[in-house]
Amino acid sequence: MSLDDLETDVELAFDDLDYDFLDRESKQELAMLSAALDADEDELLRRAVHMLFQSTTESGRLDFHLRSAYDVTYDEYLSGMTYGEMTGANQFPQDDDDRRYQF
């Protein structure tokens, strides 16, 4: 195969894309991946979502955004309990009376 073959395959893949929600650059990149990997575009999109999810989870960015928006982490979401519930910290009410430490 040659450069001309690659250009033809990418152009054909680009023309076949029926994803109106993608911008031109994303379509071009998807067409290149489709031609290079000889893969279905739907499968490539599934892989991309998986890779984004995995990298976001591994870097801690998912937990950061979850904590900011929902005050939980991904582990808490998976377990269905907050860390406080897991450790029993929520079982005993904390006394806010600071006077008990005064002599």
PDB file of N, CA and C in Angstrom:
ATOM      1  N   MET A   1       0.848  -1.178   0.000  1.00  0.00           N
ATOM      2  CA  MET A   1       0.000   0.000   0.000  1.00  0.00           C
ATOM      3  C   MET A   1       0.891   1.238   0.000  1.00  0.00           C
ATOM      4  N   SER A   2       0.305   2.310  -0.461  1.00  0.00           N
ATOM      5  CA  SER A   2       1.071   3.544  -0.604  1.00  0.00           C
ATOM      6  C   SER A   2       0.343   4.700   0.070  1.00  0.00           C
ATOM      7  N   LEU A   3       0.980   5.849  -0.007  1.00  0.00           N
ATOM      8  CA  LEU A   3       0.384   7.058   0.548  1.00  0.00           C
ATOM      9  C   LEU A   3      -0.939   7.367  -0.159  1.00  0.00           C
ATOM     10  N   ASP A   4      -0.973   7.163  -1.457  1.00  0.00           N
ATOM     11  CA  ASP A   4      -2.220   7.399  -2.207  1.00  0.00           C
ATOM     12  C   ASP A   4      -3.337   6.486  -1.721  1.00  0.00           C
ATOM     13  N   ASP A   5      -2.998   5.223  -1.444  1.00  0.00           N
ATOM     14  CA  ASP A   5      -3.991   4.283  -0.936  1.00  0.00           C
ATOM     15  C   ASP A   5      -4.524   4.735   0.423  1.00  0.00           C
ATOM     16  N   LEU A   6      -3.606   5.190   1.280  1.00  0.00           N
ATOM     17  CA  LEU A   6      -4.014   5.671   2.594  1.00  0.00           C
ATOM     18  C   LEU A   6      -4.929   6.881   2.465  1.00  0.00           C
ATOM     19  N   GLU A   7      -4.545   7.837   1.633  1.00  0.00           N
ATOM     20  CA  GLU A   7      -5.384   9.026   1.434  1.00  0.00           C
ATOM     21  C   GLU A   7      -6.766   8.651   0.931  1.00  0.00           C
ATOM     22  N   THR A   8      -6.829   7.707   0.013  1.00  0.00           N
ATOM     23  CA  THR A   8      -8.115   7.250  -0.522  1.00  0.00           C
ATOM     24  C   THR A   8      -8.948   6.585   0.565  1.00  0.00           C
ATOM     25  N   ASP A   9      -8.315   5.694   1.338  1.00  0.00           N
ATOM     26  CA  ASP A   9      -9.041   4.995   2.399  1.00  0.00           C
ATOM     27  C   ASP A   9      -9.550   5.966   3.461  1.00  0.00           C
ATOM     28  N   VAL A  10      -8.742   6.957   3.840  1.00  0.00           N
ATOM     29  CA  VAL A  10      -9.163   7.937   4.840  1.00  0.00           C
ATOM     30  C   VAL A  10     -10.307   8.777   4.302  1.00  0.00           C
ATOM     31  N   GLU A  11     -10.212   9.206   3.045  1.00  0.00           N
ATOM     32  CA  GLU A  11     -11.290   9.996   2.440  1.00  0.00           C
ATOM     33  C   GLU A  11     -12.582   9.203   2.371  1.00  0.00           C
ATOM     34  N   LEU A  12     -12.485   7.927   1.984  1.00  0.00           N
ATOM     35  CA  LEU A  12     -13.679   7.076   1.920  1.00  0.00           C
ATOM     36  C   LEU A  12     -14.281   6.878   3.302  1.00  0.00           C
ATOM     37  N   ALA A  13     -13.429   6.632   4.284  1.00  0.00           N
ATOM     38  CA  ALA A  13     -13.916   6.454   5.653  1.00  0.00           C
ATOM     39  C   ALA A  13     -14.556   7.739   6.151  1.00  0.00           C
ATOM     40  N   PHE A  14     -13.959   8.884   5.842  1.00  0.00           N
ATOM     41  CA  PHE A  14     -14.502  10.176   6.263  1.00  0.00           C
ATOM     42  C   PHE A  14     -15.881  10.400   5.637  1.00  0.00           C
ATOM     43  N   ASP A  15     -16.000  10.107   4.354  1.00  0.00           N
ATOM     44  CA  ASP A  15     -17.274  10.311   3.658  1.00  0.00           C
ATOM     45  C   ASP A  15     -18.368   9.384   4.180  1.00  0.00           C
ATOM     46  N   ASP A  16     -17.969   8.211   4.671  1.00  0.00           N
ATOM     47  CA  ASP A  16     -18.939   7.233   5.178  1.00  0.00           C
ATOM     48  C   ASP A  16     -19.402   7.543   6.594  1.00  0.00           C
ATOM     49  N   LEU A  17     -18.679   8.412   7.292  1.00  0.00           N
ATOM     50  CA  LEU A  17     -19.045   8.710   8.682  1.00  0.00           C
ATOM     51  C   LEU A  17     -20.376   9.433   8.746  1.00  0.00           C
ATOM     52  N   ASP A  18     -21.229   8.946   9.617  1.00  0.00           N
ATOM     53  CA  ASP A  18     -22.551   9.534   9.784  1.00  0.00           C
ATOM     54  C   ASP A  18     -22.728   9.968  11.238  1.00  0.00           C
ATOM     55  N   TYR A  19     -21.788  10.775  11.708  1.00  0.00           N
ATOM     56  CA  TYR A  19     -21.823  11.256  13.077  1.00  0.00           C
ATOM     57  C   TYR A  19     -21.909  12.775  13.050  1.00  0.00           C
ATOM     58  N   ASP A  20     -23.119  13.291  13.071  1.00  0.00           N
ATOM     59  CA  ASP A  20     -23.320  14.734  12.992  1.00  0.00           C
ATOM     60  C   ASP A  20     -22.836  15.465  14.238  1.00  0.00           C
ATOM     61  N   PHE A  21     -22.702  14.749  15.342  1.00  0.00           N
ATOM     62  CA  PHE A  21     -22.289  15.379  16.590  1.00  0.00           C
ATOM     63  C   PHE A  21     -20.778  15.617  16.650  1.00  0.00           C
ATOM     64  N   LEU A  22     -20.018  15.045  15.712  1.00  0.00           N
ATOM     65  CA  LEU A  22     -18.571  15.238  15.697  1.00  0.00           C
ATOM     66  C   LEU A  22     -18.185  16.427  14.834  1.00  0.00           C
ATOM     67  N   ASP A  23     -17.167  17.144  15.272  1.00  0.00           N
ATOM     68  CA  ASP A  23     -16.648  18.223  14.441  1.00  0.00           C
ATOM     69  C   ASP A  23     -15.745  17.633  13.354  1.00  0.00           C
ATOM     70  N   ARG A  24     -15.306  18.479  12.439  1.00  0.00           N
ATOM     71  CA  ARG A  24     -14.518  18.009  11.298  1.00  0.00           C
ATOM     72  C   ARG A  24     -13.210  17.350  11.746  1.00  0.00           C
ATOM     73  N   GLU A  25     -12.541  17.933  12.720  1.00  0.00           N
ATOM     74  CA  GLU A  25     -11.272  17.380  13.184  1.00  0.00           C
ATOM     75  C   GLU A  25     -11.472  15.986  13.789  1.00  0.00           C
ATOM     76  N   SER A  26     -12.505  15.827  14.595  1.00  0.00           N
ATOM     77  CA  SER A  26     -12.781  14.526  15.205  1.00  0.00           C
ATOM     78  C   SER A  26     -13.138  13.496  14.141  1.00  0.00           C
ATOM     79  N   LYS A  27     -13.896  13.907  13.140  1.00  0.00           N
ATOM     80  CA  LYS A  27     -14.232  12.994  12.048  1.00  0.00           C
ATOM     81  C   LYS A  27     -12.977  12.580  11.291  1.00  0.00           C
ATOM     82  N   GLN A  28     -12.077  13.533  11.056  1.00  0.00           N
ATOM     83  CA  GLN A  28     -10.835  13.225  10.345  1.00  0.00           C
ATOM     84  C   GLN A  28      -9.995  12.231  11.140  1.00  0.00           C
ATOM     85  N   GLU A  29      -9.891  12.449  12.439  1.00  0.00           N
ATOM     86  CA  GLU A  29      -9.122  11.540  13.283  1.00  0.00           C
ATOM     87  C   GLU A  29      -9.756  10.158  13.338  1.00  0.00           C
ATOM     88  N   LEU A  30     -11.083  10.116  13.417  1.00  0.00           N
ATOM     89  CA  LEU A  30     -11.783   8.828  13.430  1.00  0.00           C
ATOM     90  C   LEU A  30     -11.595   8.100  12.101  1.00  0.00           C
ATOM     91  N   ALA A  31     -11.636   8.833  11.014  1.00  0.00           N
ATOM     92  CA  ALA A  31     -11.418   8.225   9.699  1.00  0.00           C
ATOM     93  C   ALA A  31     -10.000   7.666   9.588  1.00  0.00           C
ATOM     94  N   MET A  32      -9.014   8.397  10.107  1.00  0.00           N
ATOM     95  CA  MET A  32      -7.632   7.917  10.075  1.00  0.00           C
ATOM     96  C   MET A  32      -7.485   6.649  10.908  1.00  0.00           C
ATOM     97  N   LEU A  33      -8.052   6.646  12.108  1.00  0.00           N
ATOM     98  CA  LEU A  33      -7.992   5.451  12.946  1.00  0.00           C
ATOM     99  C   LEU A  33      -8.687   4.265  12.287  1.00  0.00           C
ATOM    100  N   SER A  34      -9.812   4.540  11.679  1.00  0.00           N
ATOM    101  CA  SER A  34     -10.561   3.482  11.015  1.00  0.00           C
ATOM    102  C   SER A  34      -9.748   2.870   9.877  1.00  0.00           C
ATOM    103  N   ALA A  35      -9.095   3.715   9.089  1.00  0.00           N
ATOM    104  CA  ALA A  35      -8.280   3.215   7.980  1.00  0.00           C
ATOM    105  C   ALA A  35      -7.036   2.488   8.488  1.00  0.00           C
ATOM    106  N   ALA A  36      -6.367   3.075   9.475  1.00  0.00           N
ATOM    107  CA  ALA A  36      -5.117   2.497   9.964  1.00  0.00           C
ATOM    108  C   ALA A  36      -5.334   1.186  10.713  1.00  0.00           C
ATOM    109  N   LEU A  37      -6.374   1.141  11.525  1.00  0.00           N
ATOM    110  CA  LEU A  37      -6.627  -0.049  12.342  1.00  0.00           C
ATOM    111  C   LEU A  37      -7.581  -1.032  11.690  1.00  0.00           C
ATOM    112  N   ASP A  38      -8.121  -0.635  10.540  1.00  0.00           N
ATOM    113  CA  ASP A  38      -9.101  -1.461   9.824  1.00  0.00           C
ATOM    114  C   ASP A  38     -10.205  -1.900  10.782  1.00  0.00           C
ATOM    115  N   ALA A  39     -10.755  -0.908  11.468  1.00  0.00           N
ATOM    116  CA  ALA A  39     -11.771  -1.178  12.482  1.00  0.00           C
ATOM    117  C   ALA A  39     -13.047  -0.400  12.177  1.00  0.00           C
ATOM    118  N   ASP A  40     -14.143  -0.917  12.692  1.00  0.00           N
ATOM    119  CA  ASP A  40     -15.443  -0.276  12.570  1.00  0.00           C
ATOM    120  C   ASP A  40     -15.462   0.996  13.419  1.00  0.00           C
ATOM    121  N   GLU A  41     -16.052   2.056  12.901  1.00  0.00           N
ATOM    122  CA  GLU A  41     -16.080   3.338  13.616  1.00  0.00           C
ATOM    123  C   GLU A  41     -16.823   3.234  14.946  1.00  0.00           C
ATOM    124  N   ASP A  42     -17.904   2.478  14.986  1.00  0.00           N
ATOM    125  CA  ASP A  42     -18.639   2.308  16.244  1.00  0.00           C
ATOM    126  C   ASP A  42     -17.761   1.652  17.308  1.00  0.00           C
ATOM    127  N   GLU A  43     -16.978   0.665  16.884  1.00  0.00           N
ATOM    128  CA  GLU A  43     -16.066  -0.003  17.814  1.00  0.00           C
ATOM    129  C   GLU A  43     -14.986   0.964  18.288  1.00  0.00           C
ATOM    130  N   LEU A  44     -14.489   1.796  17.396  1.00  0.00           N
ATOM    131  CA  LEU A  44     -13.487   2.784  17.791  1.00  0.00           C
ATOM    132  C   LEU A  44     -14.054   3.784  18.798  1.00  0.00           C
ATOM    133  N   LEU A  45     -15.288   4.191  18.620  1.00  0.00           N
ATOM    134  CA  LEU A  45     -15.919   5.107  19.570  1.00  0.00           C
ATOM    135  C   LEU A  45     -16.099   4.439  20.935  1.00  0.00           C
ATOM    136  N   ARG A  46     -16.485   3.175  20.942  1.00  0.00           N
ATOM    137  CA  ARG A  46     -16.604   2.443  22.210  1.00  0.00           C
ATOM    138  C   ARG A  46     -15.248   2.365  22.907  1.00  0.00           C
ATOM    139  N   ARG A  47     -14.203   2.069  22.135  1.00  0.00           N
ATOM    140  CA  ARG A  47     -12.856   1.998  22.705  1.00  0.00           C
ATOM    141  C   ARG A  47     -12.427   3.360  23.258  1.00  0.00           C
ATOM    142  N   ALA A  48     -12.765   4.419  22.528  1.00  0.00           N
ATOM    143  CA  ALA A  48     -12.379   5.769  22.959  1.00  0.00           C
ATOM    144  C   ALA A  48     -13.048   6.134  24.281  1.00  0.00           C
ATOM    145  N   VAL A  49     -14.326   5.808  24.414  1.00  0.00           N
ATOM    146  CA  VAL A  49     -15.028   6.089  25.663  1.00  0.00           C
ATOM    147  C   VAL A  49     -14.387   5.293  26.791  1.00  0.00           C
ATOM    148  N   HIS A  50     -14.067   4.034  26.540  1.00  0.00           N
ATOM    149  CA  HIS A  50     -13.441   3.196  27.558  1.00  0.00           C
ATOM    150  C   HIS A  50     -12.078   3.772  27.963  1.00  0.00           C
ATOM    151  N   MET A  51     -11.284   4.173  26.983  1.00  0.00           N
ATOM    152  CA  MET A  51      -9.959   4.723  27.288  1.00  0.00           C
ATOM    153  C   MET A  51     -10.065   6.031  28.066  1.00  0.00           C
ATOM    154  N   LEU A  52     -11.011   6.886  27.697  1.00  0.00           N
ATOM    155  CA  LEU A  52     -11.197   8.135  28.426  1.00  0.00           C
ATOM    156  C   LEU A  52     -11.634   7.859  29.854  1.00  0.00           C
ATOM    157  N   PHE A  53     -12.568   6.947  30.023  1.00  0.00           N
ATOM    158  CA  PHE A  53     -13.026   6.594  31.365  1.00  0.00           C
ATOM    159  C   PHE A  53     -11.875   6.042  32.191  1.00  0.00           C
ATOM    160  N   GLN A  54     -11.099   5.131  31.616  1.00  0.00           N
ATOM    161  CA  GLN A  54      -9.990   4.513  32.338  1.00  0.00           C
ATOM    162  C   GLN A  54      -8.939   5.545  32.721  1.00  0.00           C
ATOM    163  N   SER A  55      -8.553   6.401  31.800  1.00  0.00           N
ATOM    164  CA  SER A  55      -7.517   7.389  32.121  1.00  0.00           C
ATOM    165  C   SER A  55      -8.025   8.420  33.130  1.00  0.00           C
ATOM    166  N   THR A  56      -9.295   8.779  33.032  1.00  0.00           N
ATOM    167  CA  THR A  56      -9.871   9.722  33.988  1.00  0.00           C
ATOM    168  C   THR A  56      -9.945   9.113  35.382  1.00  0.00           C
ATOM    169  N   THR A  57     -10.267   7.832  35.440  1.00  0.00           N
ATOM    170  CA  THR A  57     -10.332   7.134  36.721  1.00  0.00           C
ATOM    171  C   THR A  57      -8.943   6.977  37.322  1.00  0.00           C
ATOM    172  N   GLU A  58      -7.986   6.517  36.517  1.00  0.00           N
ATOM    173  CA  GLU A  58      -6.634   6.259  37.018  1.00  0.00           C
ATOM    174  C   GLU A  58      -5.918   7.530  37.451  1.00  0.00           C
ATOM    175  N   SER A  59      -6.205   8.640  36.799  1.00  0.00           N
ATOM    176  CA  SER A  59      -5.528   9.893  37.148  1.00  0.00           C
ATOM    177  C   SER A  59      -6.149  10.570  38.373  1.00  0.00           C
ATOM    178  N   GLY A  60      -7.321  10.115  38.792  1.00  0.00           N
ATOM    179  CA  GLY A  60      -7.995  10.725  39.934  1.00  0.00           C
ATOM    180  C   GLY A  60      -8.921  11.863  39.548  1.00  0.00           C
ATOM    181  N   ARG A  61      -8.966  12.198  38.275  1.00  0.00           N
ATOM    182  CA  ARG A  61      -9.839  13.294  37.839  1.00  0.00           C
ATOM    183  C   ARG A  61     -11.311  12.953  38.013  1.00  0.00           C
ATOM    184  N   LEU A  62     -11.677  11.684  37.843  1.00  0.00           N
ATOM    185  CA  LEU A  62     -13.077  11.300  38.035  1.00  0.00           C
ATOM    186  C   LEU A  62     -13.481  11.518  39.488  1.00  0.00           C
ATOM    187  N   ASP A  63     -12.638  11.046  40.421  1.00  0.00           N
ATOM    188  CA  ASP A  63     -12.943  11.254  41.838  1.00  0.00           C
ATOM    189  C   ASP A  63     -13.007  12.734  42.185  1.00  0.00           C
ATOM    190  N   PHE A  64     -12.113  13.528  41.608  1.00  0.00           N
ATOM    191  CA  PHE A  64     -12.121  14.968  41.872  1.00  0.00           C
ATOM    192  C   PHE A  64     -13.456  15.587  41.456  1.00  0.00           C
ATOM    193  N   HIS A  65     -13.906  15.256  40.257  1.00  0.00           N
ATOM    194  CA  HIS A  65     -15.168  15.825  39.772  1.00  0.00           C
ATOM    195  C   HIS A  65     -16.372  15.266  40.525  1.00  0.00           C
ATOM    196  N   LEU A  66     -16.331  13.983  40.847  1.00  0.00           N
ATOM    197  CA  LEU A  66     -17.427  13.398  41.627  1.00  0.00           C
ATOM    198  C   LEU A  66     -17.495  14.015  43.018  1.00  0.00           C
ATOM    199  N   ARG A  67     -16.339  14.199  43.646  1.00  0.00           N
ATOM    200  CA  ARG A  67     -16.300  14.793  44.988  1.00  0.00           C
ATOM    201  C   ARG A  67     -16.804  16.233  44.926  1.00  0.00           C
ATOM    202  N   SER A  68     -16.419  16.967  43.890  1.00  0.00           N
ATOM    203  CA  SER A  68     -16.859  18.361  43.759  1.00  0.00           C
ATOM    204  C   SER A  68     -18.363  18.479  43.532  1.00  0.00           C
ATOM    205  N   ALA A  69     -18.897  17.607  42.697  1.00  0.00           N
ATOM    206  CA  ALA A  69     -20.308  17.717  42.326  1.00  0.00           C
ATOM    207  C   ALA A  69     -21.240  16.936  43.246  1.00  0.00           C
ATOM    208  N   TYR A  70     -20.798  15.760  43.731  1.00  0.00           N
ATOM    209  CA  TYR A  70     -21.697  14.872  44.472  1.00  0.00           C
ATOM    210  C   TYR A  70     -21.218  14.534  45.876  1.00  0.00           C
ATOM    211  N   ASP A  71     -20.018  14.947  46.219  1.00  0.00           N
ATOM    212  CA  ASP A  71     -19.415  14.673  47.520  1.00  0.00           C
ATOM    213  C   ASP A  71     -19.248  13.173  47.767  1.00  0.00           C
ATOM    214  N   VAL A  72     -18.931  12.431  46.723  1.00  0.00           N
ATOM    215  CA  VAL A  72     -18.606  11.007  46.820  1.00  0.00           C
ATOM    216  C   VAL A  72     -17.454  10.705  45.859  1.00  0.00           C
ATOM    217  N   THR A  73     -16.847   9.537  46.017  1.00  0.00           N
ATOM    218  CA  THR A  73     -15.830   9.072  45.081  1.00  0.00           C
ATOM    219  C   THR A  73     -16.402   7.928  44.256  1.00  0.00           C
ATOM    220  N   TYR A  74     -15.654   7.495  43.254  1.00  0.00           N
ATOM    221  CA  TYR A  74     -16.093   6.392  42.418  1.00  0.00           C
ATOM    222  C   TYR A  74     -16.184   5.105  43.237  1.00  0.00           C
ATOM    223  N   ASP A  75     -15.227   4.881  44.148  1.00  0.00           N
ATOM    224  CA  ASP A  75     -15.292   3.700  45.023  1.00  0.00           C
ATOM    225  C   ASP A  75     -16.554   3.712  45.874  1.00  0.00           C
ATOM    226  N   GLU A  76     -16.914   4.882  46.387  1.00  0.00           N
ATOM    227  CA  GLU A  76     -18.139   4.986  47.183  1.00  0.00           C
ATOM    228  C   GLU A  76     -19.357   4.688  46.319  1.00  0.00           C
ATOM    229  N   TYR A  77     -19.339   5.179  45.092  1.00  0.00           N
ATOM    230  CA  TYR A  77     -20.440   4.901  44.163  1.00  0.00           C
ATOM    231  C   TYR A  77     -20.558   3.394  43.918  1.00  0.00           C
ATOM    232  N   LEU A  78     -19.421   2.740  43.661  1.00  0.00           N
ATOM    233  CA  LEU A  78     -19.448   1.303  43.383  1.00  0.00           C
ATOM    234  C   LEU A  78     -19.938   0.489  44.572  1.00  0.00           C
ATOM    235  N   SER A  79     -19.530   0.893  45.778  1.00  0.00           N
ATOM    236  CA  SER A  79     -19.920   0.136  46.964  1.00  0.00           C
ATOM    237  C   SER A  79     -21.325   0.495  47.441  1.00  0.00           C
ATOM    238  N   GLY A  80     -21.811   1.657  47.024  1.00  0.00           N
ATOM    239  CA  GLY A  80     -23.129   2.093  47.458  1.00  0.00           C
ATOM    240  C   GLY A  80     -23.126   2.692  48.851  1.00  0.00           C
ATOM    241  N   MET A  81     -21.931   2.945  49.380  1.00  0.00           N
ATOM    242  CA  MET A  81     -21.808   3.518  50.727  1.00  0.00           C
ATOM    243  C   MET A  81     -20.684   4.553  50.723  1.00  0.00           C
ATOM    244  N   THR A  82     -20.834   5.564  51.556  1.00  0.00           N
ATOM    245  CA  THR A  82     -19.759   6.530  51.728  1.00  0.00           C
ATOM    246  C   THR A  82     -18.695   5.928  52.641  1.00  0.00           C
ATOM    247  N   TYR A  83     -17.509   6.532  52.667  1.00  0.00           N
ATOM    248  CA  TYR A  83     -16.458   6.038  53.557  1.00  0.00           C
ATOM    249  C   TYR A  83     -16.898   6.117  55.012  1.00  0.00           C
ATOM    250  N   GLY A  84     -17.631   7.151  55.352  1.00  0.00           N
ATOM    251  CA  GLY A  84     -18.146   7.275  56.713  1.00  0.00           C
ATOM    252  C   GLY A  84     -19.051   6.114  57.075  1.00  0.00           C
ATOM    253  N   GLU A  85     -19.890   5.701  56.144  1.00  0.00           N
ATOM    254  CA  GLU A  85     -20.769   4.558  56.383  1.00  0.00           C
ATOM    255  C   GLU A  85     -19.972   3.255  56.460  1.00  0.00           C
ATOM    256  N   MET A  86     -18.922   3.143  55.637  1.00  0.00           N
ATOM    257  CA  MET A  86     -18.103   1.923  55.642  1.00  0.00           C
ATOM    258  C   MET A  86     -17.357   1.756  56.955  1.00  0.00           C
ATOM    259  N   THR A  87     -16.860   2.843  57.506  1.00  0.00           N
ATOM    260  CA  THR A  87     -16.032   2.762  58.717  1.00  0.00           C
ATOM    261  C   THR A  87     -16.836   2.883  59.990  1.00  0.00           C
ATOM    262  N   GLY A  88     -18.106   3.187  59.868  1.00  0.00           N
ATOM    263  CA  GLY A  88     -18.952   3.321  61.045  1.00  0.00           C
ATOM    264  C   GLY A  88     -18.881   4.688  61.680  1.00  0.00           C
ATOM    265  N   ALA A  89     -18.221   5.623  61.049  1.00  0.00           N
ATOM    266  CA  ALA A  89     -18.086   6.970  61.617  1.00  0.00           C
ATOM    267  C   ALA A  89     -19.431   7.680  61.709  1.00  0.00           C
ATOM    268  N   ASN A  90     -20.362   7.293  60.882  1.00  0.00           N
ATOM    269  CA  ASN A  90     -21.678   7.944  60.892  1.00  0.00           C
ATOM    270  C   ASN A  90     -22.618   7.347  61.940  1.00  0.00           C
ATOM    271  N   GLN A  91     -22.200   6.278  62.598  1.00  0.00           N
ATOM    272  CA  GLN A  91     -23.077   5.628  63.574  1.00  0.00           C
ATOM    273  C   GLN A  91     -23.191   6.420  64.861  1.00  0.00           C
ATOM    274  N   PHE A  92     -22.141   7.089  65.224  1.00  0.00           N
ATOM    275  CA  PHE A  92     -22.125   7.808  66.483  1.00  0.00           C
ATOM    276  C   PHE A  92     -22.102   9.304  66.219  1.00  0.00           C
ATOM    277  N   PRO A  93     -23.105  10.011  66.680  1.00  0.00           N
ATOM    278  CA  PRO A  93     -23.129  11.452  66.428  1.00  0.00           C
ATOM    279  C   PRO A  93     -21.976  12.137  67.145  1.00  0.00           C
ATOM    280  N   GLN A  94     -21.387  13.086  66.468  1.00  0.00           N
ATOM    281  CA  GLN A  94     -20.285  13.839  67.049  1.00  0.00           C
ATOM    282  C   GLN A  94     -20.849  14.994  67.862  1.00  0.00           C
ATOM    283  N   ASP A  95     -20.336  15.145  69.070  1.00  0.00           N
ATOM    284  CA  ASP A  95     -20.774  16.220  69.946  1.00  0.00           C
ATOM    285  C   ASP A  95     -19.985  17.476  69.601  1.00  0.00           C
ATOM    286  N   ASP A  96     -20.677  18.529  69.241  1.00  0.00           N
ATOM    287  CA  ASP A  96     -20.019  19.772  68.873  1.00  0.00           C
ATOM    288  C   ASP A  96     -19.721  20.654  70.083  1.00  0.00           C
ATOM    289  N   ASP A  97     -19.855  20.127  71.267  1.00  0.00           N
ATOM    290  CA  ASP A  97     -19.624  20.890  72.466  1.00  0.00           C
ATOM    291  C   ASP A  97     -18.123  20.981  72.736  1.00  0.00           C
ATOM    292  N   ASP A  98     -17.525  22.133  72.384  1.00  0.00           N
ATOM    293  CA  ASP A  98     -16.091  22.327  72.571  1.00  0.00           C
ATOM    294  C   ASP A  98     -15.729  22.547  74.036  1.00  0.00           C
ATOM    295  N   ARG A  99     -16.710  22.807  74.866  1.00  0.00           N
ATOM    296  CA  ARG A  99     -16.429  23.076  76.283  1.00  0.00           C
ATOM    297  C   ARG A  99     -15.892  21.855  77.014  1.00  0.00           C
ATOM    298  N   ARG A 100     -16.125  20.681  76.508  1.00  0.00           N
ATOM    299  CA  ARG A 100     -15.698  19.485  77.218  1.00  0.00           C
ATOM    300  C   ARG A 100     -14.186  19.390  77.305  1.00  0.00           C
ATOM    301  N   TYR A 101     -13.473  20.127  76.445  1.00  0.00           N
ATOM    302  CA  TYR A 101     -12.010  20.096  76.471  1.00  0.00           C
ATOM    303  C   TYR A 101     -11.439  21.241  77.299  1.00  0.00           C
ATOM    304  N   GLN A 102     -12.293  22.048  77.887  1.00  0.00           N
ATOM    305  CA  GLN A 102     -11.815  23.156  78.704  1.00  0.00           C
ATOM    306  C   GLN A 102     -11.750  22.727  80.172  1.00  0.00           C
ATOM    307  N   PHE A 103     -10.767  23.185  80.877  1.00  0.00           N
ATOM    308  CA  PHE A 103     -10.616  22.861  82.297  1.00  0.00           C
ATOM    309  C   PHE A 103     -11.060  24.015  83.149  1.00  0.00           C
TER     310      PHE A 103
END
